[in-house]
Amino acid sequence: MTGSSSNSTCTAAAKVNKHSRSKSTNNYRSSRGITGAESAASGSTNNASRSSGGGKEEKDGGVLFYVNKSGFPIDSQTWERMWTHVAKIHPEGKEMVDRLRIAANLPKPPVLLVPNFKPSMSALDWLLVIQNYMKTLQYNHTGTQFFEIRKTRPLSGLMETAREMIRVSLPIKCLEAVILGIYLTNGLTSMERFPISFKTQFSGNYFHHVVLGVYCNGRYGSLGMSRRPDLMDKPLAFRTLSELIFEFEDSYRKYLHTVKKVKIGLYVPHDPHVFQPIEWKYLVLTSSKMAHEEMRKEMEKHARDMRMKILKSSTAQSPIKERRGKSLSPRRRQASPQRRHMLKRDKSPAMIDKKPAELSTLNDVAYQIRI
């Protein structure tokens, strides 16, 4: 998720604005079929290349970033804009782009086989298989994100996007890797997944990155994609959540980045059909204003509450509210004027005994839904 500029390292972004629109941004260098050394891309140069095409133009750390919103196949406007942007940020510029576009014998990118979980695999083995699959897809250096990820979209819709990633087998970045990681671990119910986001500062600019935290058998780890190998996947070997987060902070220091904020979400449901958005930032820690021990206590409390499953997403409806539009709701069952008239007049013990029984059943249903 991070990349180097002329004498520095830049992380990519997965940010939500006031309307919760995805804003993953990066400092891009080359496409999947492009080779060459990484080079700097200044904000002033990129500002001159603004396009009014179908994709959203964003900035992170002064670097432009585009999102393909046309789906697949990519429309001609998005396609041309991508190559124009690559020509501006690649060391060899337009010459390299022209050479690739007129080449007749370029190898066709392979469509990768989806990894299959085997009962003999341990959780650690399966995470390694998934991470290797992501690495084979490669990191996206084109300056155009191929898959639009809207953070407010329901989980079921994001899982459709994950299937599209597998189908087209194109390079991905950090936010897409989180969604793909969730999809590929849905069947492993013993493993809990939750998003972890970082906001860092370098040379006056702010950068963003996101990985998928995992918890299994009392150990924490992560899945993800980045330009830097120590800012993506971490082994399932950390005893506490704070140890995992502080390990990422140590990795950032190697690239002279200062971690300003850490955002930790909630466990993602394993049911791929739920109509509920992912909770991306239930706990927000401002590292620059908190002591190390204070951060550790907050993260351990959050981890403990998640393990006890007592935290609820702010976007999720309560079970009682969800059922009020259905026939199980007492309010809906009393909606009939004739039935209301009967309830007012009939004061018999049979009727009085029946009402608590209905409520008891309702409470049992609510308890089962919460579990």
Protein backbone atom coordinates (compact mmCIF):
# COMPACT_ATOMS: atom_id res chain seq x y z
CA MET A 1 0.00 0.00 0.00
CA THR A 2 2.97 2.27 0.29
CA GLY A 3 5.28 3.43 -2.45
CA SER A 4 8.46 5.47 -2.70
CA SER A 5 8.73 8.96 -4.09
CA SER A 6 12.06 10.43 -5.05
CA ASN A 7 13.50 10.08 -1.57
CA SER A 8 10.57 8.97 0.49
CA THR A 9 7.81 6.45 0.91
CA CYS A 10 4.13 7.08 0.37
CA THR A 11 1.26 4.99 1.63
CA ALA A 12 -1.99 4.49 -0.26
CA ALA A 13 -5.35 5.63 0.95
CA ALA A 14 -8.71 4.09 1.81
CA LYS A 15 -10.68 7.10 2.98
CA VAL A 16 -14.36 8.00 3.30
CA ASN A 17 -15.60 11.56 2.83
CA LYS A 18 -18.73 13.21 4.26
CA HIS A 19 -20.93 11.08 2.01
CA SER A 20 -18.97 7.91 2.80
CA ARG A 21 -17.63 7.51 -0.72
CA SER A 22 -14.58 5.32 -1.07
CA LYS A 23 -11.36 7.26 -1.64
CA SER A 24 -8.53 4.75 -1.78
CA THR A 25 -5.56 6.62 -3.24
CA ASN A 26 -2.03 5.72 -4.19
CA ASN A 27 1.21 6.88 -5.72
CA TYR A 28 1.23 4.69 -8.82
CA ARG A 29 4.23 3.67 -10.86
CA SER A 30 3.60 1.04 -13.54
CA SER A 31 0.89 -1.25 -14.88
CA ARG A 32 0.91 -5.03 -14.62
CA GLY A 33 2.82 -5.36 -17.87
CA ILE A 34 5.06 -2.35 -17.25
CA THR A 35 8.52 -2.57 -15.73
CA GLY A 36 10.97 0.08 -14.61
CA ALA A 37 12.12 1.98 -11.55
CA GLU A 38 9.60 3.85 -9.43
CA SER A 39 9.57 7.61 -9.83
CA ALA A 40 8.10 10.62 -8.06
CA ALA A 41 4.74 12.07 -9.09
CA SER A 42 4.24 15.61 -7.87
CA GLY A 43 0.86 17.11 -7.05
CA SER A 44 1.40 20.12 -9.34
CA THR A 45 2.11 17.92 -12.36
CA ASN A 46 -0.92 15.76 -11.71
CA ASN A 47 -3.21 18.75 -11.20
CA ALA A 48 -2.64 19.64 -14.84
CA SER A 49 -4.06 16.29 -15.93
CA ARG A 50 -7.57 16.51 -14.50
CA SER A 51 -10.18 14.60 -16.46
CA SER A 52 -13.95 14.89 -16.48
CA GLY A 53 -14.44 11.23 -17.28
CA GLY A 54 -16.66 8.68 -15.57
CA GLY A 55 -14.12 7.85 -12.85
CA LYS A 56 -13.63 9.89 -9.70
CA GLU A 57 -10.42 11.88 -9.44
CA GLU A 58 -9.02 11.92 -5.92
CA LYS A 59 -5.81 13.02 -4.23
CA ASP A 60 -3.80 11.62 -1.35
CA GLY A 61 -0.48 13.09 -0.34
CA GLY A 62 -0.61 15.29 -3.47
CA VAL A 63 -0.98 12.29 -5.80
CA LEU A 64 -3.93 11.88 -8.18
CA PHE A 65 -5.95 8.72 -8.24
CA TYR A 66 -8.77 7.49 -10.49
CA VAL A 67 -11.53 4.93 -9.97
CA ASN A 68 -13.05 2.82 -12.73
CA LYS A 69 -16.80 3.24 -12.34
CA SER A 70 -17.73 1.89 -15.76
CA GLY A 71 -17.43 -1.77 -14.71
CA PHE A 72 -16.23 -4.42 -17.15
CA PRO A 73 -15.43 -4.28 -19.95
CA ILE A 74 -13.79 -0.92 -19.20
CA ASP A 75 -15.21 1.85 -21.39
CA SER A 76 -12.96 3.69 -23.85
CA GLN A 77 -12.92 6.94 -21.87
CA THR A 78 -11.66 5.25 -18.68
CA TRP A 79 -9.17 3.20 -20.73
CA GLU A 80 -7.66 6.21 -22.46
CA ARG A 81 -7.53 8.21 -19.24
CA MET A 82 -5.62 5.39 -17.54
CA TRP A 83 -2.94 5.32 -20.26
CA THR A 84 -2.67 9.12 -20.23
CA HIS A 85 -2.08 9.06 -16.49
CA VAL A 86 0.49 6.25 -16.78
CA ALA A 87 2.38 8.26 -19.40
CA LYS A 88 2.63 11.15 -16.94
CA ILE A 89 3.89 9.19 -13.94
CA HIS A 90 6.13 6.52 -15.52
CA PRO A 91 9.85 7.31 -15.92
CA GLU A 92 9.78 6.53 -19.65
CA GLY A 93 6.57 8.47 -20.17
CA LYS A 94 4.62 8.34 -23.43
CA GLU A 95 7.36 6.42 -25.22
CA MET A 96 6.80 3.41 -22.97
CA VAL A 97 3.02 3.66 -23.36
CA ASP A 98 3.19 3.81 -27.14
CA ARG A 99 5.60 0.87 -27.21
CA LEU A 100 3.23 -1.27 -25.20
CA ARG A 101 0.06 -0.27 -27.01
CA ILE A 102 1.42 -1.09 -30.47
CA ALA A 103 3.14 -4.32 -29.42
CA ALA A 104 1.65 -7.34 -31.17
CA ASN A 105 3.05 -10.19 -29.09
CA LEU A 106 2.32 -9.23 -25.48
CA PRO A 107 1.46 -12.28 -23.36
CA LYS A 108 -2.15 -12.52 -22.28
CA PRO A 109 -2.52 -12.17 -18.48
CA PRO A 110 -3.65 -15.50 -17.00
CA VAL A 111 -6.94 -15.92 -15.16
CA LEU A 112 -5.89 -17.34 -11.82
CA LEU A 113 -7.58 -20.32 -10.22
CA VAL A 114 -9.47 -19.54 -7.04
CA PRO A 115 -7.79 -21.14 -4.01
CA ASN A 116 -9.80 -23.96 -2.46
CA PHE A 117 -9.87 -24.62 1.25
CA LYS A 118 -9.10 -28.21 2.26
CA PRO A 119 -10.17 -29.72 5.60
CA SER A 120 -6.58 -30.72 6.26
CA MET A 121 -5.49 -27.06 6.15
CA SER A 122 -4.88 -25.11 9.33
CA ALA A 123 -6.01 -21.50 9.65
CA LEU A 124 -2.40 -20.40 9.22
CA ASP A 125 -2.05 -22.43 6.02
CA TRP A 126 -5.27 -21.00 4.58
CA LEU A 127 -4.20 -17.42 5.29
CA LEU A 128 -0.92 -18.11 3.51
CA VAL A 129 -2.77 -19.50 0.48
CA ILE A 130 -5.01 -16.42 0.32
CA GLN A 131 -2.11 -14.00 0.68
CA ASN A 132 -0.15 -15.78 -2.05
CA TYR A 133 -3.21 -15.58 -4.32
CA MET A 134 -3.36 -11.80 -3.76
CA LYS A 135 0.35 -11.45 -4.46
CA THR A 136 -0.10 -13.36 -7.70
CA LEU A 137 -2.80 -10.88 -8.74
CA GLN A 138 -0.11 -8.23 -8.10
CA TYR A 139 -0.37 -4.71 -6.79
CA ASN A 140 -2.04 -2.13 -9.02
CA HIS A 141 0.41 0.60 -10.11
CA THR A 142 -1.60 2.05 -13.01
CA GLY A 143 -3.12 5.02 -11.17
CA THR A 144 -6.64 3.69 -11.84
CA GLN A 145 -8.42 1.49 -9.34
CA PHE A 146 -10.23 -1.16 -11.37
CA PHE A 147 -12.95 -1.97 -8.82
CA GLU A 148 -15.09 0.65 -7.14
CA ILE A 149 -15.42 -0.03 -3.40
CA ARG A 150 -18.08 2.03 -1.62
CA LYS A 151 -17.71 1.54 2.11
CA THR A 152 -21.40 2.16 2.80
CA ARG A 153 -22.45 -0.60 0.42
CA PRO A 154 -24.00 -3.70 2.06
CA LEU A 155 -21.72 -6.68 2.59
CA SER A 156 -23.69 -8.72 0.06
CA GLY A 157 -22.90 -6.15 -2.65
CA LEU A 158 -19.21 -6.03 -1.74
CA MET A 159 -19.07 -9.81 -2.03
CA GLU A 160 -20.33 -9.46 -5.59
CA THR A 161 -17.40 -7.13 -6.24
CA ALA A 162 -15.05 -9.75 -4.78
CA ARG A 163 -16.40 -12.33 -7.22
CA GLU A 164 -15.74 -9.85 -10.03
CA MET A 165 -12.13 -9.47 -8.86
CA ILE A 166 -11.68 -13.22 -9.08
CA ARG A 167 -13.36 -13.40 -12.49
CA VAL A 168 -11.22 -10.75 -14.21
CA SER A 169 -7.97 -11.39 -12.26
CA LEU A 170 -6.64 -7.83 -12.44
CA PRO A 171 -4.18 -6.19 -10.01
CA ILE A 172 -5.65 -4.81 -6.79
CA LYS A 173 -4.79 -2.38 -4.01
CA CYS A 174 -5.30 -2.35 -0.25
CA LEU A 175 -9.05 -1.64 -0.04
CA GLU A 176 -9.86 -4.21 -2.71
CA ALA A 177 -7.62 -6.73 -0.92
CA VAL A 178 -9.65 -6.30 2.28
CA ILE A 179 -12.88 -7.13 0.45
CA LEU A 180 -11.29 -10.09 -1.34
CA GLY A 181 -9.84 -11.35 1.95
CA ILE A 182 -13.26 -11.24 3.58
CA TYR A 183 -14.78 -13.19 0.70
CA LEU A 184 -12.12 -15.91 0.75
CA THR A 185 -12.35 -16.40 4.54
CA ASN A 186 -16.15 -16.46 4.81
CA GLY A 187 -16.20 -20.25 5.05
CA LEU A 188 -13.76 -20.36 7.96
CA THR A 189 -16.15 -19.55 10.80
CA SER A 190 -13.50 -20.11 13.47
CA MET A 191 -11.66 -17.04 12.14
CA GLU A 192 -12.89 -13.52 12.89
CA ARG A 193 -12.14 -10.67 10.47
CA PHE A 194 -12.16 -6.90 11.06
CA PRO A 195 -10.76 -3.85 9.20
CA ILE A 196 -7.78 -1.86 10.49
CA SER A 197 -7.05 1.57 8.96
CA PHE A 198 -4.02 3.80 9.36
CA LYS A 199 -3.56 7.51 8.75
CA THR A 200 0.09 8.55 8.57
CA GLN A 201 2.03 11.72 7.89
CA PHE A 202 5.19 12.28 5.91
CA SER A 203 6.73 15.52 4.68
CA GLY A 204 3.58 17.52 5.41
CA ASN A 205 1.24 15.15 3.55
CA TYR A 206 -1.23 12.60 4.92
CA PHE A 207 -1.59 9.05 3.64
CA HIS A 208 -4.04 6.23 4.30
CA HIS A 209 -3.87 2.46 4.33
CA VAL A 210 -6.18 -0.39 5.32
CA VAL A 211 -5.62 -4.10 6.06
CA LEU A 212 -7.86 -6.95 7.17
CA GLY A 213 -7.18 -7.96 10.76
CA VAL A 214 -7.80 -11.62 11.62
CA TYR A 215 -8.23 -13.42 14.94
CA CYS A 216 -8.12 -17.19 15.38
CA ASN A 217 -7.17 -19.55 18.19
CA GLY A 218 -6.13 -16.73 20.49
CA ARG A 219 -3.76 -15.11 17.97
CA TYR A 220 -3.98 -12.01 15.77
CA GLY A 221 -2.63 -11.42 12.27
CA SER A 222 -3.57 -9.63 9.04
CA LEU A 223 -4.14 -9.91 5.29
CA GLY A 224 -3.64 -7.15 2.76
CA MET A 225 -1.77 -5.60 -0.14
CA SER A 226 0.93 -2.94 -0.20
CA ARG A 227 4.07 -1.96 -2.05
CA ARG A 228 5.94 -2.74 1.13
CA PRO A 229 5.96 -6.37 2.35
CA ASP A 230 5.88 -5.36 6.03
CA LEU A 231 2.76 -3.19 5.62
CA MET A 232 0.35 -5.86 4.40
CA ASP A 233 0.10 -9.39 5.80
CA LYS A 234 1.28 -10.25 9.29
CA PRO A 235 1.57 -13.82 10.60
CA LEU A 236 -1.11 -15.20 12.90
CA ALA A 237 1.26 -14.98 15.85
CA PHE A 238 0.42 -11.90 17.93
CA ARG A 239 -1.08 -12.58 21.36
CA THR A 240 -2.94 -9.27 21.58
CA LEU A 241 -4.47 -6.76 19.18
CA SER A 242 -2.21 -4.01 20.50
CA GLU A 243 0.89 -6.06 19.66
CA LEU A 244 -0.32 -6.31 16.06
CA ILE A 245 -1.03 -2.57 15.78
CA PHE A 246 2.30 -1.59 17.33
CA GLU A 247 4.05 -3.93 14.90
CA PHE A 248 2.52 -1.92 12.04
CA GLU A 249 3.64 1.31 13.70
CA ASP A 250 7.20 -0.02 13.90
CA SER A 251 7.04 -0.89 10.19
CA TYR A 252 5.87 2.61 9.32
CA ARG A 253 8.82 4.13 11.19
CA LYS A 254 11.18 2.35 8.79
CA TYR A 255 9.74 4.53 6.02
CA LEU A 256 9.82 7.70 8.16
CA HIS A 257 6.03 7.82 8.47
CA THR A 258 4.36 8.98 11.68
CA VAL A 259 1.11 7.19 12.53
CA LYS A 260 -1.51 9.82 13.33
CA LYS A 261 -4.68 7.73 13.63
CA VAL A 262 -5.64 4.09 13.91
CA LYS A 263 -9.21 3.01 13.14
CA ILE A 264 -10.43 -0.45 14.10
CA GLY A 265 -13.78 -1.84 12.97
CA LEU A 266 -15.93 -4.71 14.19
CA TYR A 267 -16.05 -8.38 13.27
CA VAL A 268 -17.43 -8.90 9.76
CA PRO A 269 -20.29 -11.45 9.53
CA HIS A 270 -19.49 -14.73 7.78
CA ASP A 271 -22.83 -14.74 5.96
CA PRO A 272 -22.11 -13.21 2.52
CA HIS A 273 -25.80 -12.38 2.00
CA VAL A 274 -26.35 -9.98 4.91
CA PHE A 275 -27.66 -6.56 3.96
CA GLN A 276 -25.43 -4.74 6.45
CA PRO A 277 -22.41 -2.50 5.77
CA ILE A 278 -19.03 -3.23 7.28
CA GLU A 279 -18.26 -1.23 10.42
CA TRP A 280 -14.94 0.31 9.40
CA LYS A 281 -14.08 2.57 12.34
CA TYR A 282 -15.82 1.63 15.58
CA LEU A 283 -12.71 2.58 17.57
CA VAL A 284 -10.67 5.63 16.49
CA LEU A 285 -7.36 6.29 18.26
CA THR A 286 -5.39 9.50 17.73
CA SER A 287 -1.86 8.26 18.22
CA SER A 288 -0.33 11.72 18.33
CA LYS A 289 -2.46 12.67 21.34
CA MET A 290 -2.42 9.42 23.33
CA ALA A 291 0.23 7.74 25.41
CA HIS A 292 1.41 4.29 24.36
CA GLU A 293 -0.11 2.62 27.43
CA GLU A 294 -3.42 4.43 26.99
CA MET A 295 -3.68 3.20 23.41
CA ARG A 296 -2.87 -0.32 24.50
CA LYS A 297 -5.65 -0.31 27.11
CA GLU A 298 -8.21 1.03 24.64
CA MET A 299 -7.30 -1.58 22.02
CA GLU A 300 -7.39 -4.46 24.51
CA LYS A 301 -10.79 -3.35 25.79
CA HIS A 302 -12.06 -3.19 22.21
CA ALA A 303 -10.60 -6.62 21.43
CA ARG A 304 -12.17 -8.11 24.56
CA ASP A 305 -15.57 -6.62 23.76
CA MET A 306 -15.39 -7.98 20.21
CA ARG A 307 -14.53 -11.46 21.46
CA MET A 308 -17.50 -11.32 23.84
CA LYS A 309 -19.62 -10.10 20.89
CA ILE A 310 -21.18 -7.29 22.92
CA LEU A 311 -20.47 -4.55 20.37
CA LYS A 312 -23.02 -3.68 17.69
CA SER A 313 -22.45 -1.85 14.45
CA SER A 314 -23.85 1.68 14.43
CA THR A 315 -25.36 0.91 11.01
CA ALA A 316 -27.08 -2.30 12.08
CA GLN A 317 -30.73 -2.26 13.15
CA SER A 318 -31.79 -3.88 16.36
CA PRO A 319 -33.64 -7.22 16.02
CA ILE A 320 -36.83 -5.73 17.45
CA LYS A 321 -36.85 -2.87 14.92
CA GLU A 322 -36.17 -5.27 12.07
CA ARG A 323 -39.16 -7.38 13.03
CA ARG A 324 -41.67 -4.57 13.39
CA GLY A 325 -42.52 -4.76 9.73
CA LYS A 326 -43.24 -8.49 9.93
CA SER A 327 -46.07 -10.63 11.19
CA LEU A 328 -44.26 -11.52 14.42
CA SER A 329 -44.55 -7.97 15.70
CA PRO A 330 -47.21 -7.50 18.43
CA ARG A 331 -47.93 -4.03 17.05
CA ARG A 332 -48.72 -5.41 13.59
CA ARG A 333 -50.81 -8.27 14.98
CA GLN A 334 -53.03 -5.79 16.83
CA ALA A 335 -53.47 -3.59 13.77
CA SER A 336 -56.89 -5.02 12.89
CA PRO A 337 -59.77 -2.90 14.34
CA GLN A 338 -61.77 -6.06 14.99
CA ARG A 339 -58.89 -7.61 16.94
CA ARG A 340 -58.34 -4.41 18.98
CA HIS A 341 -62.04 -4.45 19.86
CA MET A 342 -61.76 -8.07 21.06
CA LEU A 343 -58.69 -7.30 23.17
CA LYS A 344 -60.43 -4.39 24.87
CA ARG A 345 -63.54 -6.38 25.75
CA ASP A 346 -62.12 -9.81 26.52
CA LYS A 347 -60.63 -9.74 30.03
CA SER A 348 -60.78 -13.50 30.52
CA PRO A 349 -57.88 -15.32 32.25
CA ALA A 350 -57.25 -17.25 29.03
CA MET A 351 -56.52 -14.05 27.16
CA ILE A 352 -54.35 -12.68 29.97
CA ASP A 353 -52.34 -15.91 30.09
CA LYS A 354 -51.86 -15.94 26.33
CA LYS A 355 -50.22 -12.53 26.07
CA PRO A 356 -47.12 -13.31 28.18
CA ALA A 357 -46.65 -16.54 26.21
CA GLU A 358 -46.49 -14.57 22.96
CA LEU A 359 -43.99 -12.14 24.40
CA SER A 360 -41.88 -14.97 25.71
CA THR A 361 -41.72 -16.50 22.24
CA LEU A 362 -40.81 -13.12 20.80
CA ASN A 363 -38.00 -12.67 23.29
CA ASP A 364 -36.66 -16.11 22.44
CA VAL A 365 -36.62 -15.19 18.74
CA ALA A 366 -34.82 -11.92 19.53
CA TYR A 367 -32.25 -13.78 21.60
CA GLN A 368 -31.60 -16.23 18.78
CA ILE A 369 -31.17 -13.43 16.25
CA ARG A 370 -28.71 -11.60 18.47
CA ILE A 371 -26.67 -14.78 18.92
